[in-house]
Amino acid sequence: MASSRHLAAIVSKTMRFWKQFLASGVLVAAVGSLTVLVRAMPVAAEELPAWAYGTQAEPEGAKKPAPAARPAPDHSLKHLPGTTRAFTSSAIGDPFGPADWFPEDHPRMPEIVAHGRKPEIWACSLCHYPNGRGRPENAGVSGLPVEYFIEQMHSFRDGRRKSADPRKRNTNIMIAIAKAMTEEEIKASAEYFGAIQWAPWIKVEERPTVIETHTSVGMFLPVPNGRMQPIGHRLIEMPVQPDATEKIRDPRSGFIAYAPPGSIRKGRDLATKTGKKTEPCGVCHGPGLKGLGPVPGIAGRSPSYMARQLYDMKAGTRNGSWNELMKPVVQNLSNDDILNIVAYVSSLAP
């Protein structure tokens, strides 16, 4: 075995070598290039908080079911309580003019919001609803500051905002739409949704078990006659009225988010106290997390959506103008930390 003095000499010589090498700038340049490469690489699916992205791991050894037969066209009229309006299924899901069940609930929609622009721009109201409240698989956009809304559309357009999960199909659709929109159309949609105040839409409830679920286009739905199962390290956000939300797109029917016991308290500690892991959310998002100038309010918004954004920022796939403010917030957060924070934030009154 080498003596202590001999080992110390080896360490000293090695350190001198690396100092000289670092001074040359070669390694710095290589590391810088590697950092860019790593940030550009998609995060492995198994590392993602799957519950936030609307994906579920298949049981080991499970066989994929055979493709279901395409159902016959349904031309029957659908109805909702509180309105005499009626629409067919095809009209409800028309990407260039989806059903507007309650026109009295919102201002007059700009053309880009109500009908989009063929062939590539879907109506904003299809996914985000005419009232801008949206669903867990996309985003609630009402009440967002106009400046922030426009900046996010530019981020989609310019390649600075992507999903850490390559399976998130609607993010890629949003990127294509943003690239096709004019500045006037972006501004019109930003001003329209910005004028609609965000309202209570999600209830957070802590419980140790949750009903078995399946996903439909990124949204969790209860399995009919499903069994209760441990919630584990998940937050499951689902419609209060699954059929009304999935099949009829009821813009008045909200969501419930089931979170593990104790998550709201843990999230409050992380979100409100200065600590080693993160910074208080209120510094940027204002009192009650209801927004501050161009910084959006986050209180009472979808926990699934917020968790995706925190994770995307941490993974380096969301790099907009405001991301520098968020880097110290997200860099040390675990998936459980993210879950706890969004459970707390979503539980707040908007």
Protein backbone atom coordinates (compact mmCIF):
# COMPACT_ATOMS: atom_id res chain seq x y z
CA MET A 1 0.00 0.00 0.00
CA ALA A 2 1.19 3.54 -0.74
CA SER A 3 2.14 5.74 2.19
CA SER A 4 0.06 8.77 3.19
CA ARG A 5 2.83 11.06 1.89
CA HIS A 6 2.86 9.23 -1.46
CA LEU A 7 -0.94 9.47 -1.79
CA ALA A 8 -0.85 13.17 -0.97
CA ALA A 9 1.76 13.72 -3.72
CA ILE A 10 -0.44 11.89 -6.25
CA VAL A 11 -3.49 13.95 -5.29
CA SER A 12 -1.50 17.20 -5.50
CA LYS A 13 -0.13 16.30 -8.94
CA THR A 14 -3.60 15.34 -10.19
CA MET A 15 -5.12 18.59 -8.95
CA ARG A 16 -2.39 20.63 -10.71
CA PHE A 17 -3.12 18.79 -13.95
CA TRP A 18 -6.88 19.53 -13.79
CA LYS A 19 -6.30 23.18 -12.89
CA GLN A 20 -4.08 23.58 -15.95
CA PHE A 21 -6.59 21.72 -18.13
CA LEU A 22 -9.49 23.81 -16.87
CA ALA A 23 -7.50 27.00 -17.48
CA SER A 24 -7.14 25.99 -21.12
CA GLY A 25 -10.92 26.34 -21.59
CA VAL A 26 -11.19 23.03 -23.47
CA LEU A 27 -13.16 21.28 -20.75
CA VAL A 28 -15.33 24.34 -20.12
CA ALA A 29 -16.33 24.42 -23.76
CA ALA A 30 -16.98 20.68 -23.77
CA VAL A 31 -19.09 20.84 -20.62
CA GLY A 32 -21.00 23.82 -21.99
CA SER A 33 -21.81 21.89 -25.15
CA LEU A 34 -22.78 18.83 -23.13
CA THR A 35 -25.10 20.95 -20.96
CA VAL A 36 -26.92 22.22 -24.03
CA LEU A 37 -27.17 18.66 -25.35
CA VAL A 38 -28.51 17.28 -22.07
CA ARG A 39 -31.11 20.05 -21.79
CA ALA A 40 -32.29 19.28 -25.30
CA MET A 41 -32.70 15.58 -24.64
CA PRO A 42 -36.16 14.37 -23.57
CA VAL A 43 -36.43 13.10 -20.01
CA ALA A 44 -36.95 9.35 -19.74
CA ALA A 45 -40.63 8.56 -19.29
CA GLU A 46 -40.03 6.57 -16.10
CA GLU A 47 -38.56 9.65 -14.41
CA LEU A 48 -41.67 11.71 -15.00
CA PRO A 49 -44.42 12.17 -12.41
CA ALA A 50 -46.78 10.26 -14.70
CA TRP A 51 -49.88 11.44 -12.85
CA ALA A 52 -49.14 15.04 -13.90
CA TYR A 53 -48.87 14.14 -17.59
CA GLY A 54 -51.97 11.98 -17.74
CA THR A 55 -50.09 8.73 -18.31
CA GLN A 56 -50.21 5.47 -16.41
CA ALA A 57 -47.70 2.64 -16.26
CA GLU A 58 -49.03 -0.63 -17.60
CA PRO A 59 -48.95 -3.56 -15.17
CA GLU A 60 -45.97 -5.85 -15.77
CA GLY A 61 -46.79 -8.47 -18.40
CA ALA A 62 -50.07 -6.80 -19.34
CA LYS A 63 -51.21 -7.24 -22.93
CA LYS A 64 -52.46 -4.29 -24.87
CA PRO A 65 -56.16 -4.64 -25.67
CA ALA A 66 -57.16 -5.09 -29.28
CA PRO A 67 -58.21 -1.83 -30.98
CA ALA A 68 -61.87 -1.13 -30.35
CA ALA A 69 -64.19 -1.07 -33.32
CA ARG A 70 -65.02 2.42 -34.50
CA PRO A 71 -68.48 3.33 -33.16
CA ALA A 72 -71.26 4.23 -35.53
CA PRO A 73 -71.74 7.99 -36.03
CA ASP A 74 -73.88 9.51 -33.28
CA HIS A 75 -76.19 12.17 -34.71
CA SER A 76 -78.35 12.53 -31.61
CA LEU A 77 -78.61 15.89 -29.91
CA LYS A 78 -76.93 16.31 -26.53
CA HIS A 79 -78.31 18.51 -23.77
CA LEU A 80 -77.09 20.14 -20.57
CA PRO A 81 -79.05 21.46 -17.59
CA GLY A 82 -79.41 25.24 -17.56
CA THR A 83 -79.59 25.76 -21.33
CA THR A 84 -81.98 25.01 -24.18
CA ARG A 85 -79.11 24.72 -26.62
CA ALA A 86 -78.39 21.28 -28.11
CA PHE A 87 -75.50 19.92 -30.15
CA THR A 88 -74.42 16.68 -31.78
CA SER A 89 -71.19 15.00 -30.73
CA SER A 90 -69.47 16.13 -33.93
CA ALA A 91 -70.48 19.75 -33.28
CA ILE A 92 -69.28 19.56 -29.68
CA GLY A 93 -65.82 18.48 -30.81
CA ASP A 94 -65.58 20.56 -33.98
CA PRO A 95 -62.05 22.04 -33.94
CA PHE A 96 -63.18 25.00 -36.04
CA GLY A 97 -66.37 25.89 -34.19
CA PRO A 98 -67.00 23.82 -31.06
CA ALA A 99 -70.23 24.04 -29.10
CA ASP A 100 -70.71 27.13 -26.95
CA TRP A 101 -73.18 25.92 -24.33
CA PHE A 102 -73.47 29.11 -22.30
CA PRO A 103 -72.72 32.27 -24.37
CA GLU A 104 -73.96 34.37 -21.47
CA ASP A 105 -71.05 33.18 -19.30
CA HIS A 106 -68.35 35.04 -21.22
CA PRO A 107 -67.73 38.10 -23.43
CA ARG A 108 -68.14 37.91 -27.19
CA MET A 109 -65.40 35.65 -28.51
CA PRO A 110 -62.94 36.87 -31.13
CA GLU A 111 -62.98 34.82 -34.33
CA ILE A 112 -59.71 33.09 -33.47
CA VAL A 113 -61.13 31.93 -30.12
CA ALA A 114 -64.52 30.86 -31.47
CA HIS A 115 -63.52 29.28 -34.80
CA GLY A 116 -59.75 29.31 -35.17
CA ARG A 117 -58.49 29.56 -38.73
CA LYS A 118 -58.44 26.68 -41.18
CA PRO A 119 -56.53 24.58 -41.87
CA GLU A 120 -54.00 24.62 -39.02
CA ILE A 121 -55.35 26.73 -36.14
CA TRP A 122 -57.96 25.11 -33.94
CA ALA A 123 -60.42 27.28 -32.04
CA CYS A 124 -59.00 28.17 -28.62
CA SER A 125 -62.43 27.42 -27.14
CA LEU A 126 -62.21 23.74 -28.10
CA CYS A 127 -59.58 22.78 -25.54
CA HIS A 128 -59.68 25.72 -23.14
CA TYR A 129 -63.48 26.22 -23.22
CA PRO A 130 -65.09 29.55 -24.12
CA ASN A 131 -64.71 30.61 -20.47
CA GLY A 132 -60.98 29.75 -20.48
CA ARG A 133 -61.13 27.36 -17.53
CA GLY A 134 -59.70 24.42 -19.46
CA ARG A 135 -59.12 20.87 -18.26
CA PRO A 136 -56.27 19.06 -16.49
CA GLU A 137 -54.70 17.87 -19.73
CA ASN A 138 -54.31 21.41 -21.06
CA ALA A 139 -54.38 24.76 -19.23
CA GLY A 140 -56.78 27.16 -17.58
CA VAL A 141 -56.05 30.42 -19.39
CA SER A 142 -58.68 32.84 -18.13
CA GLY A 143 -57.41 35.60 -15.87
CA LEU A 144 -53.81 35.39 -17.10
CA PRO A 145 -51.99 38.71 -17.58
CA VAL A 146 -52.03 39.69 -21.25
CA GLU A 147 -48.26 40.21 -21.33
CA TYR A 148 -47.65 36.77 -19.81
CA PHE A 149 -50.09 35.07 -22.20
CA ILE A 150 -48.39 36.61 -25.24
CA GLU A 151 -44.94 35.66 -23.96
CA GLN A 152 -46.02 32.02 -23.55
CA MET A 153 -47.36 31.90 -27.10
CA HIS A 154 -44.03 33.26 -28.31
CA SER A 155 -42.23 30.59 -26.26
CA PHE A 156 -44.28 27.85 -27.96
CA ARG A 157 -43.65 29.43 -31.34
CA ASP A 158 -39.91 29.92 -30.88
CA GLY A 159 -39.09 26.46 -29.49
CA ARG A 160 -38.54 27.58 -25.89
CA ARG A 161 -41.51 25.71 -24.44
CA LYS A 162 -41.90 21.97 -24.91
CA SER A 163 -43.05 19.04 -22.79
CA ALA A 164 -40.60 16.85 -20.91
CA ASP A 165 -42.86 13.95 -21.93
CA PRO A 166 -42.71 13.38 -25.72
CA ARG A 167 -46.06 11.58 -25.45
CA LYS A 168 -47.79 14.88 -24.57
CA ARG A 169 -49.41 15.25 -27.95
CA ASN A 170 -51.42 18.38 -27.24
CA THR A 171 -48.24 20.32 -26.41
CA ASN A 172 -47.01 19.64 -29.94
CA ILE A 173 -50.40 20.72 -31.28
CA MET A 174 -50.09 23.94 -29.29
CA ILE A 175 -46.63 24.56 -30.75
CA ALA A 176 -47.97 24.15 -34.29
CA ILE A 177 -50.88 26.48 -33.58
CA ALA A 178 -48.62 29.15 -32.07
CA LYS A 179 -46.34 29.03 -35.10
CA ALA A 180 -49.32 29.60 -37.40
CA MET A 181 -50.97 32.46 -35.47
CA THR A 182 -50.42 36.09 -36.34
CA GLU A 183 -49.46 38.65 -33.70
CA GLU A 184 -52.95 40.14 -33.99
CA GLU A 185 -54.56 36.75 -33.32
CA ILE A 186 -52.29 36.11 -30.32
CA LYS A 187 -53.10 39.54 -28.90
CA ALA A 188 -56.85 39.10 -29.45
CA SER A 189 -56.91 35.76 -27.64
CA ALA A 190 -54.71 37.11 -24.81
CA GLU A 191 -56.97 40.10 -24.25
CA TYR A 192 -60.13 37.99 -24.43
CA PHE A 193 -59.07 35.40 -21.86
CA GLY A 194 -57.30 38.00 -19.73
CA ALA A 195 -60.59 39.85 -19.28
CA ILE A 196 -62.30 36.78 -17.74
CA GLN A 197 -61.60 36.45 -14.04
CA TRP A 198 -60.34 33.06 -12.85
CA ALA A 199 -62.96 31.38 -10.64
CA PRO A 200 -63.07 28.32 -8.36
CA TRP A 201 -62.82 25.25 -10.58
CA ILE A 202 -60.87 22.58 -8.68
CA LYS A 203 -61.42 21.12 -5.22
CA VAL A 204 -58.50 19.39 -3.50
CA GLU A 205 -59.33 16.52 -1.18
CA GLU A 206 -56.80 14.46 0.77
CA ARG A 207 -57.44 10.73 1.04
CA PRO A 208 -55.35 7.56 1.30
CA THR A 209 -57.19 5.74 -1.48
CA VAL A 210 -58.62 6.67 -4.87
CA ILE A 211 -60.82 4.83 -7.33
CA GLU A 212 -59.11 2.94 -10.13
CA THR A 213 -58.74 5.14 -13.22
CA HIS A 214 -58.02 5.05 -16.92
CA THR A 215 -56.92 7.93 -19.13
CA SER A 216 -58.67 9.53 -22.06
CA VAL A 217 -56.54 11.96 -24.09
CA GLY A 218 -54.47 12.74 -21.00
CA MET A 219 -57.36 13.11 -18.55
CA PHE A 220 -57.97 10.66 -15.69
CA LEU A 221 -61.44 9.10 -15.57
CA PRO A 222 -62.82 6.62 -13.04
CA VAL A 223 -63.14 3.01 -14.17
CA PRO A 224 -66.81 1.97 -14.00
CA ASN A 225 -67.24 -0.19 -10.91
CA GLY A 226 -63.54 0.31 -10.27
CA ARG A 227 -61.86 -0.77 -7.06
CA MET A 228 -60.33 1.59 -4.55
CA GLN A 229 -56.53 1.53 -4.52
CA PRO A 230 -53.81 3.28 -2.49
CA ILE A 231 -53.11 6.75 -3.80
CA GLY A 232 -49.38 6.35 -3.14
CA HIS A 233 -47.15 9.14 -4.45
CA ARG A 234 -49.76 10.50 -6.84
CA LEU A 235 -52.27 13.30 -7.17
CA ILE A 236 -55.24 12.25 -9.30
CA GLU A 237 -57.32 15.05 -10.84
CA MET A 238 -60.58 13.98 -12.45
CA PRO A 239 -63.92 15.49 -13.47
CA VAL A 240 -66.69 15.82 -10.92
CA GLN A 241 -69.07 14.64 -13.67
CA PRO A 242 -66.99 12.43 -15.98
CA ASP A 243 -69.52 11.96 -18.78
CA ALA A 244 -70.52 15.62 -18.89
CA THR A 245 -66.88 16.65 -19.11
CA GLU A 246 -65.52 13.98 -21.46
CA LYS A 247 -68.43 13.57 -23.86
CA ILE A 248 -70.29 16.90 -23.71
CA ARG A 249 -67.49 19.28 -22.64
CA ASP A 250 -69.64 20.97 -20.00
CA PRO A 251 -67.86 24.29 -19.24
CA ARG A 252 -69.62 24.60 -15.88
CA SER A 253 -68.59 21.21 -14.48
CA GLY A 254 -65.31 21.37 -12.57
CA PHE A 255 -62.75 18.95 -11.18
CA ILE A 256 -61.67 17.27 -7.99
CA ALA A 257 -58.06 16.48 -7.17
CA TYR A 258 -57.31 13.65 -4.75
CA ALA A 259 -54.00 14.08 -2.91
CA PRO A 260 -52.15 11.99 -0.32
CA PRO A 261 -52.90 12.79 3.35
CA GLY A 262 -50.67 15.55 4.68
CA SER A 263 -49.69 16.87 1.25
CA ILE A 264 -51.36 20.27 1.66
CA ARG A 265 -49.55 20.94 4.95
CA LYS A 266 -46.21 19.85 3.50
CA GLY A 267 -46.82 21.96 0.43
CA ARG A 268 -47.68 25.01 2.53
CA ASP A 269 -44.36 24.69 4.37
CA LEU A 270 -42.44 24.50 1.09
CA ALA A 271 -44.39 27.27 -0.64
CA THR A 272 -44.42 29.82 2.18
CA LYS A 273 -41.13 29.42 4.07
CA THR A 274 -37.59 30.17 3.00
CA GLY A 275 -35.63 26.94 3.12
CA LYS A 276 -32.88 24.91 1.53
CA LYS A 277 -35.13 23.41 -1.15
CA THR A 278 -37.04 26.33 -2.64
CA GLU A 279 -38.18 29.93 -2.31
CA PRO A 280 -41.55 31.30 -1.12
CA CYS A 281 -43.98 31.42 -4.06
CA GLY A 282 -45.51 34.69 -2.89
CA VAL A 283 -42.33 36.66 -3.61
CA CYS A 284 -43.19 36.61 -7.31
CA HIS A 285 -46.82 35.48 -7.45
CA GLY A 286 -48.03 38.03 -4.93
CA PRO A 287 -50.21 37.93 -1.79
CA GLY A 288 -52.42 34.84 -1.74
CA LEU A 289 -50.61 33.72 -4.93
CA LYS A 290 -53.20 35.67 -6.94
CA GLY A 291 -50.67 37.26 -9.28
CA LEU A 292 -48.51 40.35 -9.30
CA GLY A 293 -48.32 42.51 -12.42
CA PRO A 294 -47.26 40.36 -15.38
CA VAL A 295 -46.65 37.36 -13.10
CA PRO A 296 -49.72 35.06 -13.21
CA GLY A 297 -51.89 34.05 -10.32
CA ILE A 298 -51.56 30.36 -9.50
CA ALA A 299 -53.98 29.97 -6.57
CA GLY A 300 -56.80 27.53 -7.28
CA ARG A 301 -55.52 26.40 -10.66
CA SER A 302 -55.08 22.85 -11.92
CA PRO A 303 -52.49 20.96 -9.84
CA SER A 304 -51.78 18.61 -12.75
CA TYR A 305 -50.97 21.52 -15.05
CA MET A 306 -48.84 23.30 -12.45
CA ALA A 307 -46.89 20.12 -11.68
CA ARG A 308 -46.10 19.65 -15.38
CA GLN A 309 -44.78 23.18 -15.62
CA LEU A 310 -42.57 22.83 -12.53
CA TYR A 311 -41.19 19.56 -13.82
CA ASP A 312 -40.69 20.91 -17.37
CA MET A 313 -38.75 23.86 -15.96
CA LYS A 314 -36.62 21.53 -13.85
CA ALA A 315 -36.03 19.23 -16.84
CA GLY A 316 -35.02 22.18 -19.02
CA THR A 317 -37.74 21.83 -21.65
CA ARG A 318 -39.50 25.07 -20.67
CA ASN A 319 -37.12 28.01 -21.12
CA GLY A 320 -39.16 31.17 -21.52
CA SER A 321 -38.22 34.69 -20.47
CA TRP A 322 -39.43 34.16 -16.91
CA ASN A 323 -37.55 30.92 -16.41
CA GLU A 324 -34.58 32.58 -14.73
CA LEU A 325 -36.87 33.49 -11.83
CA MET A 326 -38.02 29.89 -11.52
CA LYS A 327 -34.65 28.11 -11.70
CA PRO A 328 -33.83 28.44 -7.97
CA VAL A 329 -37.41 27.49 -7.15
CA VAL A 330 -37.45 24.16 -8.98
CA GLN A 331 -33.87 22.91 -9.11
CA ASN A 332 -33.91 21.07 -5.76
CA LEU A 333 -37.50 19.85 -5.79
CA SER A 334 -38.28 16.14 -5.77
CA ASN A 335 -41.41 14.78 -7.44
CA ASP A 336 -43.02 14.49 -3.99
CA ASP A 337 -42.15 18.13 -3.28
CA ILE A 338 -43.82 19.15 -6.53
CA LEU A 339 -46.90 17.11 -5.63
CA ASN A 340 -47.15 18.73 -2.20
CA ILE A 341 -46.66 22.26 -3.50
CA VAL A 342 -49.33 22.00 -6.19
CA ALA A 343 -51.79 20.35 -3.80
CA TYR A 344 -51.40 23.33 -1.48
CA VAL A 345 -51.49 26.01 -4.20
CA SER A 346 -54.52 24.47 -5.88
CA SER A 347 -56.36 24.31 -2.54
CA LEU A 348 -56.21 28.11 -2.19
CA ALA A 349 -59.09 30.38 -3.14
CA PRO A 350 -58.32 32.15 -6.44
